[in-house]
Protein backbone atom coordinates (compact mmCIF):
# COMPACT_ATOMS: atom_id res chain seq x y z
CA MET A 1 5.61 33.36 -5.55
CA LYS A 2 6.06 29.61 -4.39
CA ILE A 3 8.43 29.04 -1.68
CA LEU A 4 9.99 25.59 -0.39
CA VAL A 5 11.54 25.87 3.17
CA CYS A 6 13.70 23.13 3.94
CA ILE A 7 13.27 21.61 7.57
CA SER A 8 15.75 19.62 9.41
CA HIS A 9 14.44 17.55 12.61
CA VAL A 10 17.34 18.16 15.09
CA PRO A 11 17.90 17.50 18.87
CA ASP A 12 17.20 20.34 21.15
CA THR A 13 20.35 21.92 22.27
CA THR A 14 19.53 21.13 25.93
CA SER A 15 19.29 17.40 25.17
CA LYS A 16 21.91 15.11 26.48
CA ILE A 17 23.76 13.43 23.63
CA ASN A 18 24.83 9.78 23.43
CA PHE A 19 26.03 7.40 21.12
CA THR A 20 25.40 3.54 20.80
CA ASP A 21 27.03 0.60 18.67
CA GLY A 22 30.36 1.35 19.59
CA ASN A 23 29.97 5.19 18.83
CA THR A 24 28.75 4.62 15.50
CA LYS A 25 25.18 5.61 15.93
CA PHE A 26 23.18 8.57 17.51
CA ASP A 27 21.16 7.54 20.53
CA THR A 28 17.68 9.00 20.04
CA ASN A 29 16.12 7.78 23.28
CA GLY A 30 15.08 10.58 25.53
CA VAL A 31 15.98 13.29 23.08
CA GLN A 32 13.50 16.33 22.35
CA PHE A 33 13.74 17.15 18.52
CA VAL A 34 12.89 20.67 17.16
CA ILE A 35 12.99 22.64 14.07
CA ASN A 36 16.60 23.42 13.10
CA PRO A 37 17.28 26.96 14.27
CA ASN A 38 18.60 28.24 10.89
CA ASP A 39 15.40 26.64 9.16
CA GLU A 40 13.41 28.40 11.70
CA PHE A 41 14.71 31.91 10.76
CA GLY A 42 14.11 30.92 7.12
CA LEU A 43 10.53 29.73 7.84
CA THR A 44 9.70 33.03 9.65
CA ARG A 45 10.97 35.01 6.54
CA ALA A 46 8.69 32.72 4.39
CA MET A 47 5.87 33.75 6.68
CA TRP A 48 6.77 37.57 5.98
CA PHE A 49 6.63 36.85 2.18
CA LYS A 50 3.35 34.96 2.45
CA GLU A 51 1.70 37.85 4.46
CA LYS A 52 3.02 40.77 2.68
CA GLN A 53 3.34 39.37 -1.05
CA GLY A 54 0.78 36.57 -1.00
CA ALA A 55 3.54 33.75 -1.32
CA ASN A 56 2.53 30.47 -1.13
CA VAL A 57 4.71 28.19 1.45
CA THR A 58 5.46 24.57 1.57
CA VAL A 59 7.87 23.05 4.05
CA VAL A 60 9.89 19.66 3.21
CA ASN A 61 11.81 17.36 5.44
CA VAL A 62 13.72 14.20 4.44
CA GLY A 63 13.22 11.61 7.12
CA GLY A 64 10.96 8.89 8.67
CA PRO A 65 7.41 9.17 10.38
CA GLU A 66 9.16 10.45 13.58
CA THR A 67 10.00 13.98 12.01
CA GLU A 68 6.14 14.53 11.34
CA PRO A 69 5.62 16.35 14.46
CA THR A 70 8.16 18.91 13.50
CA LEU A 71 6.64 19.39 10.01
CA ARG A 72 3.26 19.73 12.00
CA LYS A 73 4.83 22.69 14.01
CA ALA A 74 5.92 24.35 10.68
CA LEU A 75 2.31 24.13 9.55
CA ALA A 76 1.06 25.44 12.77
CA ILE A 77 3.44 28.47 12.54
CA GLY A 78 1.78 29.07 9.13
CA ALA A 79 3.15 27.00 6.23
CA ASP A 80 0.54 26.05 3.73
CA ALA A 81 1.51 22.40 3.15
CA ALA A 82 4.25 19.97 4.15
CA ILE A 83 6.12 17.22 2.36
CA ARG A 84 8.01 14.47 3.83
CA VAL A 85 10.34 12.36 1.64
CA ASN A 86 10.12 8.85 3.08
CA THR A 87 13.86 8.10 3.70
CA VAL A 88 16.46 8.38 6.32
CA ALA A 89 18.64 11.22 6.03
CA THR A 90 21.97 9.67 5.59
CA ASP A 91 24.45 12.27 4.28
CA GLY A 92 24.44 15.91 2.68
CA PHE A 93 24.51 14.63 -0.74
CA SER A 94 21.57 12.28 -0.65
CA VAL A 95 19.50 14.79 1.22
CA ALA A 96 20.32 17.36 -1.19
CA LYS A 97 19.29 15.18 -3.96
CA GLN A 98 15.90 14.35 -2.50
CA LEU A 99 15.31 18.07 -1.86
CA ALA A 100 16.39 18.95 -5.15
CA ASN A 101 13.95 16.63 -6.70
CA VAL A 102 11.00 18.08 -4.72
CA ALA A 103 12.11 21.50 -5.87
CA LYS A 104 12.08 20.69 -9.51
CA ASP A 105 8.67 18.74 -9.39
CA GLY A 106 7.17 21.60 -7.54
CA GLY A 107 8.48 24.65 -9.63
CA TYR A 108 9.44 26.59 -6.72
CA ASP A 109 10.76 30.13 -7.23
CA LEU A 110 12.48 30.46 -3.78
CA ILE A 111 14.18 27.65 -1.68
CA ILE A 112 15.03 28.66 1.66
CA ALA A 113 17.39 26.18 3.64
CA GLY A 114 19.28 26.66 6.68
CA ARG A 115 22.92 27.58 6.29
CA GLU A 116 23.56 24.45 8.25
CA SER A 117 22.02 21.88 10.56
CA ILE A 118 22.93 21.95 14.30
CA ASP A 119 23.24 18.30 14.48
CA TYR A 120 25.78 17.39 11.97
CA ASN A 121 27.00 21.12 10.89
CA GLY A 122 27.74 19.88 7.34
CA GLY A 123 26.78 23.09 5.69
CA MET A 124 26.52 21.50 2.34
CA VAL A 125 22.98 20.95 1.64
CA PRO A 126 21.83 24.46 0.35
CA GLY A 127 24.63 24.86 -2.23
CA MET A 128 24.10 21.35 -3.54
CA ILE A 129 20.47 21.91 -3.95
CA ALA A 130 21.47 25.19 -6.09
CA GLY A 131 23.58 23.16 -8.20
CA LEU A 132 21.18 20.15 -8.64
CA THR A 133 18.36 22.52 -9.63
CA GLU A 134 20.67 25.13 -11.61
CA ALA A 135 19.32 27.92 -9.39
CA ASN A 136 21.18 31.18 -8.09
CA PHE A 137 22.53 30.71 -4.65
CA VAL A 138 23.38 33.04 -1.66
CA ASN A 139 24.78 31.50 1.26
CA ASN A 140 24.95 32.90 5.07
CA CYS A 141 22.11 34.99 4.10
CA ILE A 142 20.95 37.49 6.67
CA SER A 143 18.52 39.67 4.77
CA LEU A 144 16.28 38.98 1.61
CA GLU A 145 14.12 41.11 -0.36
CA ILE A 146 11.92 39.99 -3.45
CA ASP A 147 10.47 42.27 -5.97
CA GLY A 148 9.02 40.30 -8.92
CA THR A 149 11.66 38.00 -10.25
CA SER A 150 14.53 40.11 -8.74
CA ALA A 151 16.14 39.58 -5.28
CA LYS A 152 18.45 41.57 -3.04
CA ALA A 153 20.12 39.71 -0.47
CA VAL A 154 22.67 40.42 2.23
CA ARG A 155 25.20 37.67 3.25
CA GLU A 156 27.61 37.66 6.26
CA ILE A 157 31.30 37.61 5.10
CA ASP A 158 34.40 37.46 7.10
CA GLY A 159 34.62 40.96 8.64
CA GLY A 160 31.43 42.42 7.27
CA LYS A 161 28.59 41.99 4.91
CA GLU A 162 28.07 41.80 1.27
CA THR A 163 24.87 42.89 -0.56
CA VAL A 164 24.13 41.04 -3.83
CA SER A 165 21.59 41.36 -6.48
CA THR A 166 20.15 38.27 -8.42
CA SER A 167 17.13 36.81 -9.82
CA LEU A 168 14.74 33.87 -9.15
CA PRO A 169 14.83 30.95 -8.97
CA LEU A 170 16.92 31.21 -5.81
CA VAL A 171 18.40 29.23 -3.06
CA ILE A 172 19.51 30.72 0.09
CA GLY A 173 21.33 29.35 3.13
CA GLY A 174 19.71 31.29 5.90
CA GLN A 175 20.91 32.02 9.45
CA LYS A 176 20.30 34.34 12.44
CA GLY A 177 19.76 37.93 11.29
CA LEU A 178 17.44 36.78 8.22
CA VAL A 179 14.85 37.92 10.99
CA GLU A 180 15.17 38.90 14.47
CA GLU A 181 14.96 36.41 17.17
CA SER A 182 12.03 38.40 18.77
CA ASP A 183 10.24 37.64 15.51
CA LEU A 184 10.40 33.87 15.80
CA ARG A 185 6.82 32.66 16.10
CA ILE A 186 5.43 30.02 18.65
CA PRO A 187 2.39 28.24 17.26
CA ASN A 188 -0.89 29.36 19.00
CA MET A 189 -4.03 27.16 19.62
CA ARG A 190 -5.62 28.23 16.41
CA GLY A 191 -2.58 27.39 14.28
CA ILE A 192 -2.15 24.06 15.92
CA MET A 193 -5.93 23.36 14.99
CA MET A 194 -5.54 24.45 11.47
CA ALA A 195 -2.37 22.51 11.04
CA ARG A 196 -4.35 19.32 11.42
CA GLN A 197 -6.37 20.34 8.30
CA LYS A 198 -3.34 21.16 6.08
CA PRO A 199 -2.12 18.70 3.60
CA LEU A 200 1.12 16.67 4.74
CA SER A 201 2.18 14.57 1.72
CA VAL A 202 4.58 11.57 2.00
CA VAL A 203 6.58 10.87 -1.03
CA GLU A 204 8.79 8.18 -1.77
CA PRO A 205 12.54 8.91 -2.41
CA ILE A 206 14.67 8.84 -5.72
CA GLU A 207 17.73 6.77 -5.88
CA ALA A 208 20.55 8.62 -4.06
CA SER A 209 23.55 6.63 -2.90
CA PRO A 210 25.29 8.33 -0.01
CA GLU A 211 28.69 9.77 -0.80
CA THR A 212 29.99 9.90 2.80
CA THR A 213 29.55 7.45 5.82
CA SER A 214 29.98 8.42 9.57
CA VAL A 215 32.82 6.20 10.86
CA SER A 216 32.49 7.16 14.47
CA PHE A 217 31.50 9.87 16.77
CA GLU A 218 33.36 11.26 19.81
CA LYS A 219 32.07 13.53 22.54
CA PRO A 220 34.36 16.41 23.91
CA ALA A 221 36.52 15.40 26.78
CA PRO A 222 35.19 16.33 30.06
CA LYS A 223 36.78 19.72 31.60
CA GLY A 224 39.60 19.41 33.91
CA ALA A 225 39.50 20.23 37.74
CA VAL A 226 39.66 24.08 38.47
CA THR A 227 42.63 25.27 40.06
CA LEU A 228 42.21 28.13 42.47
CA VAL A 229 45.05 30.74 43.11
CA SER A 230 45.08 33.14 45.90
CA PRO A 231 44.86 36.92 44.56
CA ASP A 232 47.91 37.53 46.71
CA ASN A 233 49.88 34.83 44.99
CA LEU A 234 50.58 36.27 41.50
CA ASP A 235 53.73 34.35 40.91
CA GLU A 236 51.90 31.18 41.18
CA LEU A 237 49.29 32.58 38.71
CA VAL A 238 52.04 33.44 36.23
CA ASN A 239 53.75 29.97 36.69
CA LEU A 240 50.37 28.15 35.97
CA LEU A 241 49.40 30.16 32.89
CA HIS A 242 52.98 29.82 31.52
CA ASN A 243 53.79 26.12 32.29
CA GLU A 244 50.25 24.37 32.54
CA ALA A 245 47.88 26.35 30.68
CA LYS A 246 50.70 27.59 28.19
CA VAL A 247 48.77 30.65 27.32
CA ILE A 248 51.70 33.13 28.30
């Protein structure tokens, strides 16, 4: 089984986010980048298929040379090879089109992508890949088993879970639950050394015009001052909750 794991290069959640050029561009200065958490769950599941079922795992990213350390980390975790599509990730459609082209060329049985990336939270790429490759698709996937060319997946739905059966080729949008957080892997020294010997291919992009453009960004407004009320003054508390907070 050939597995392609899509990897997004995203800011660490502890990074301080700022924008430049009149709030139209993300400022990358001083920002630490990591593997998108939803993609990391998918990569870990792919490692399970590699170890238990002999799958071959390739990771892919759309981005410039600055994303290669993230791909190298994925190789150190255990992926067999990496591909970087040499173009800036502009919008969901153009990214999906590049990834679908890689998927078609490689003849992959299973494509694992994160449900969404934590930078722009578009949540559209996995479904677009499935549409462009004419593969089956399961989103919000929290469990996946493969038996030959058959697959059984569990996806999160509003108020519960749904178990579905399908067949390969398959695209999933993975998320927390696909593996346990305790199963996520940290590259060890041996993995890091081996990653240096693994192939990281750079391929040129195909023509894919963006369908959307970010006009501007706006950070959340700062939180207001905290008003302290004496526990003996319940009337004042009720007044503030009713007239200022307007929650009662």
